[in-house]
Protein backbone atom coordinates (compact mmCIF):
# COMPACT_ATOMS: atom_id res chain seq x y z
CA MET A 1 -16.81 6.41 -226.14
CA GLY A 2 -15.06 9.59 -227.13
CA VAL A 3 -16.69 11.35 -224.39
CA VAL A 4 -14.77 8.45 -222.19
CA PHE A 5 -11.63 8.31 -223.17
CA LEU A 6 -11.94 12.03 -223.00
CA TYR A 7 -13.33 11.45 -219.28
CA VAL A 8 -10.25 9.08 -218.47
CA HIS A 9 -7.82 10.56 -220.62
CA LYS A 10 -8.11 14.11 -218.72
CA THR A 11 -8.72 12.07 -215.25
CA LEU A 12 -5.75 9.85 -215.05
CA MET A 13 -3.40 12.75 -216.63
CA LYS A 14 -3.52 14.97 -214.12
CA GLU A 15 -1.15 12.81 -211.95
CA SER A 16 1.38 10.20 -212.78
CA LYS A 17 3.77 8.23 -212.63
CA GLU A 18 7.03 7.80 -215.49
CA ILE A 19 7.63 4.69 -216.88
CA MET A 20 10.96 3.83 -218.34
CA HIS A 21 11.92 1.19 -220.14
CA ASP A 22 15.69 1.11 -222.36
CA GLY A 23 15.46 1.17 -226.02
CA VAL A 24 16.92 0.93 -229.61
CA VAL A 25 16.36 3.37 -231.98
CA ARG A 26 15.04 0.48 -234.99
CA SER A 27 13.62 3.06 -238.50
CA LEU A 28 13.37 6.86 -238.45
CA ASP A 29 10.22 8.59 -240.49
CA GLY A 30 10.09 12.30 -240.34
CA GLU A 31 8.21 12.82 -236.70
CA PHE A 32 7.93 9.52 -235.39
CA MET A 33 11.07 6.16 -235.09
CA SER A 34 10.65 3.01 -233.98
CA VAL A 35 12.28 1.98 -230.51
CA GLU A 36 12.60 -2.38 -229.95
CA ILE A 37 12.28 -2.27 -225.69
CA LEU A 38 12.58 -5.82 -224.96
CA SER A 39 9.96 -6.52 -222.35
CA LYS A 40 11.05 -8.58 -219.05
CA SER A 41 8.84 -10.02 -216.89
CA ALA A 42 8.85 -9.88 -213.10
CA CYS A 43 10.78 -12.02 -212.12
CA SER A 44 13.94 -11.38 -214.66
CA GLY A 45 15.66 -10.55 -211.83
CA CYS A 46 15.62 -13.64 -209.85
CA GLU A 47 19.02 -15.08 -209.24
CA ALA A 48 16.84 -19.25 -209.69
CA ARG A 49 15.65 -17.26 -213.91
CA SER A 50 17.70 -19.74 -215.13
CA LEU A 51 16.35 -23.03 -213.73
CA CYS A 52 12.37 -22.26 -213.80
CA SER A 53 10.78 -21.32 -217.03
CA SER A 54 8.55 -18.93 -216.23
CA SER A 55 11.08 -15.98 -216.74
CA ASP A 56 10.12 -14.64 -220.29
CA GLN A 57 11.54 -11.54 -222.19
CA LYS A 58 9.49 -9.27 -225.19
CA SER A 59 10.89 -7.66 -227.44
CA LYS A 60 8.29 -4.83 -228.47
CA MET A 61 8.09 -1.81 -231.20
CA ILE A 62 6.55 1.34 -229.82
CA GLU A 63 6.58 4.86 -231.76
CA VAL A 64 8.30 7.59 -230.51
CA VAL A 65 7.99 11.43 -230.54
CA VAL A 66 11.31 12.54 -231.98
CA ASN A 67 12.00 15.65 -229.54
CA LYS A 68 12.79 19.57 -232.20
CA GLY A 69 16.31 20.02 -232.57
CA GLU A 70 17.69 16.17 -231.30
CA THR A 71 18.44 14.10 -234.00
CA TYR A 72 18.65 10.07 -233.88
CA GLN A 73 20.87 7.10 -235.61
CA VAL A 74 19.12 3.78 -236.02
CA GLY A 75 20.79 1.49 -234.02
CA GLN A 76 21.34 4.14 -231.28
CA SER A 77 20.03 3.53 -227.53
CA VAL A 78 17.63 5.72 -225.53
CA THR A 79 15.79 6.04 -222.91
CA VAL A 80 11.49 5.68 -223.66
CA VAL A 81 9.10 7.55 -221.11
CA GLY A 82 5.44 6.84 -220.39
CA SER A 83 3.36 7.63 -218.44
CA GLU A 84 1.90 5.17 -216.09
CA SER A 85 -1.57 6.82 -216.53
CA MET A 86 -1.38 6.16 -220.60
CA GLY A 87 -0.96 2.28 -219.19
CA ILE A 88 -4.48 2.84 -217.66
CA VAL A 89 -6.28 5.04 -220.70
CA ALA A 90 -5.58 1.69 -223.23
CA VAL A 91 -6.66 -0.95 -220.66
CA VAL A 92 -9.95 1.14 -220.02
CA LEU A 93 -10.57 1.53 -224.15
CA CYS A 94 -9.22 -2.08 -224.89
CA TYR A 95 -10.63 -4.70 -222.41
CA VAL A 96 -13.25 -2.56 -219.81
CA VAL A 97 -15.01 -0.76 -222.40
CA PRO A 98 -15.45 -4.56 -225.18
CA VAL A 99 -16.72 -6.59 -222.07
CA VAL A 100 -19.26 -3.43 -221.03
CA LEU A 101 -20.34 -3.50 -224.86
CA MET A 102 -20.82 -6.86 -224.95
CA VAL A 103 -22.36 -7.53 -221.13
CA LEU A 104 -24.94 -4.90 -222.00
CA VAL A 105 -25.52 -6.84 -225.09
CA MET A 106 -25.99 -9.68 -223.74
CA VAL A 107 -28.15 -8.40 -221.01
CA VAL A 108 -30.61 -6.76 -223.66
CA LEU A 109 -30.99 -9.47 -226.12
CA THR A 110 -31.50 -12.31 -223.01
CA VAL A 111 -34.24 -9.57 -222.19
CA LEU A 112 -35.43 -9.47 -225.43
CA ARG A 113 -36.28 -13.36 -225.14
CA VAL A 114 -33.56 -13.56 -228.39
CA SER A 115 -32.09 -17.76 -228.75
CA ASP A 116 -29.24 -17.74 -226.82
CA VAL A 117 -26.89 -18.52 -230.53
CA THR A 118 -27.10 -14.42 -231.81
CA VAL A 119 -27.00 -13.46 -228.17
CA GLY A 120 -23.68 -14.89 -227.90
CA LEU A 121 -22.84 -13.83 -232.09
CA SER A 122 -24.40 -10.37 -231.28
CA ALA A 123 -21.33 -9.51 -228.09
CA ILE A 124 -18.87 -10.50 -230.12
CA GLY A 125 -20.39 -9.11 -233.01
CA VAL A 126 -20.64 -6.40 -231.80
CA LEU A 127 -17.03 -5.67 -230.60
CA ILE A 128 -16.51 -5.25 -234.95
CA PRO A 129 -17.58 -1.69 -235.20
CA TYR A 130 -15.89 -0.65 -231.31
CA PHE A 131 -12.57 -1.79 -232.31
CA PHE A 132 -12.89 -0.34 -236.34
CA LEU A 133 -14.55 2.89 -234.32
CA ILE A 134 -10.56 2.22 -231.88
CA TYR A 135 -9.56 2.05 -235.78
CA LEU A 136 -10.72 4.87 -237.31
CA MET A 137 -9.74 7.28 -233.93
CA ARG A 138 -5.97 5.44 -234.23
CA ASP A 139 -4.42 9.48 -235.67
CA LYS A 140 -6.36 11.13 -233.00
CA PHE A 141 -4.87 8.27 -230.29
CA ARG A 142 -1.60 8.68 -231.81
CA LYS A 143 -1.72 13.33 -231.24
CA SER A 144 -2.93 11.78 -226.72
CA ILE A 145 -1.15 9.00 -226.23
CA VAL A 146 2.55 10.28 -226.80
CA PHE A 147 5.77 8.51 -225.86
CA ARG A 148 8.42 11.02 -225.96
CA ILE A 149 12.76 9.92 -224.65
CA ARG A 150 13.96 11.20 -222.05
CA ASN A 151 16.92 11.46 -222.26
CA LYS A 152 19.54 10.12 -224.91
CA ILE A 153 22.78 7.40 -223.75
CA GLU A 154 25.38 6.93 -225.43
């Protein structure tokens, strides 16, 4: 799993586009701060959005590294920057690898002629140790998948 992460991370981090979101500082904690961003759907810019029920906005909290020498205050507006490749790494780790693990377990157990109920429960059960491993590696991810502040909005 670590090899997959390192390969995907190093390959994608070479050339990456930046994704920016405006946010508001909600809390400060030493070298990190929590920034609330408002995630908008693609149709939020549409003039007919008030007539449509599909336009939505969600509030998300992101942990951001505080740049050395810069000070921020709770309630301050900032621009959060992350690379597009960080999102791809997250999708691979949270969606692609688990699906591959589940399919692999299902194929192996089906070939071994295990009952369907056991195959299904085992395929779902393999996710427990996988996500526990992801949880144990959270500090590593915290250091390698980093959001930053591009500039301060006064």
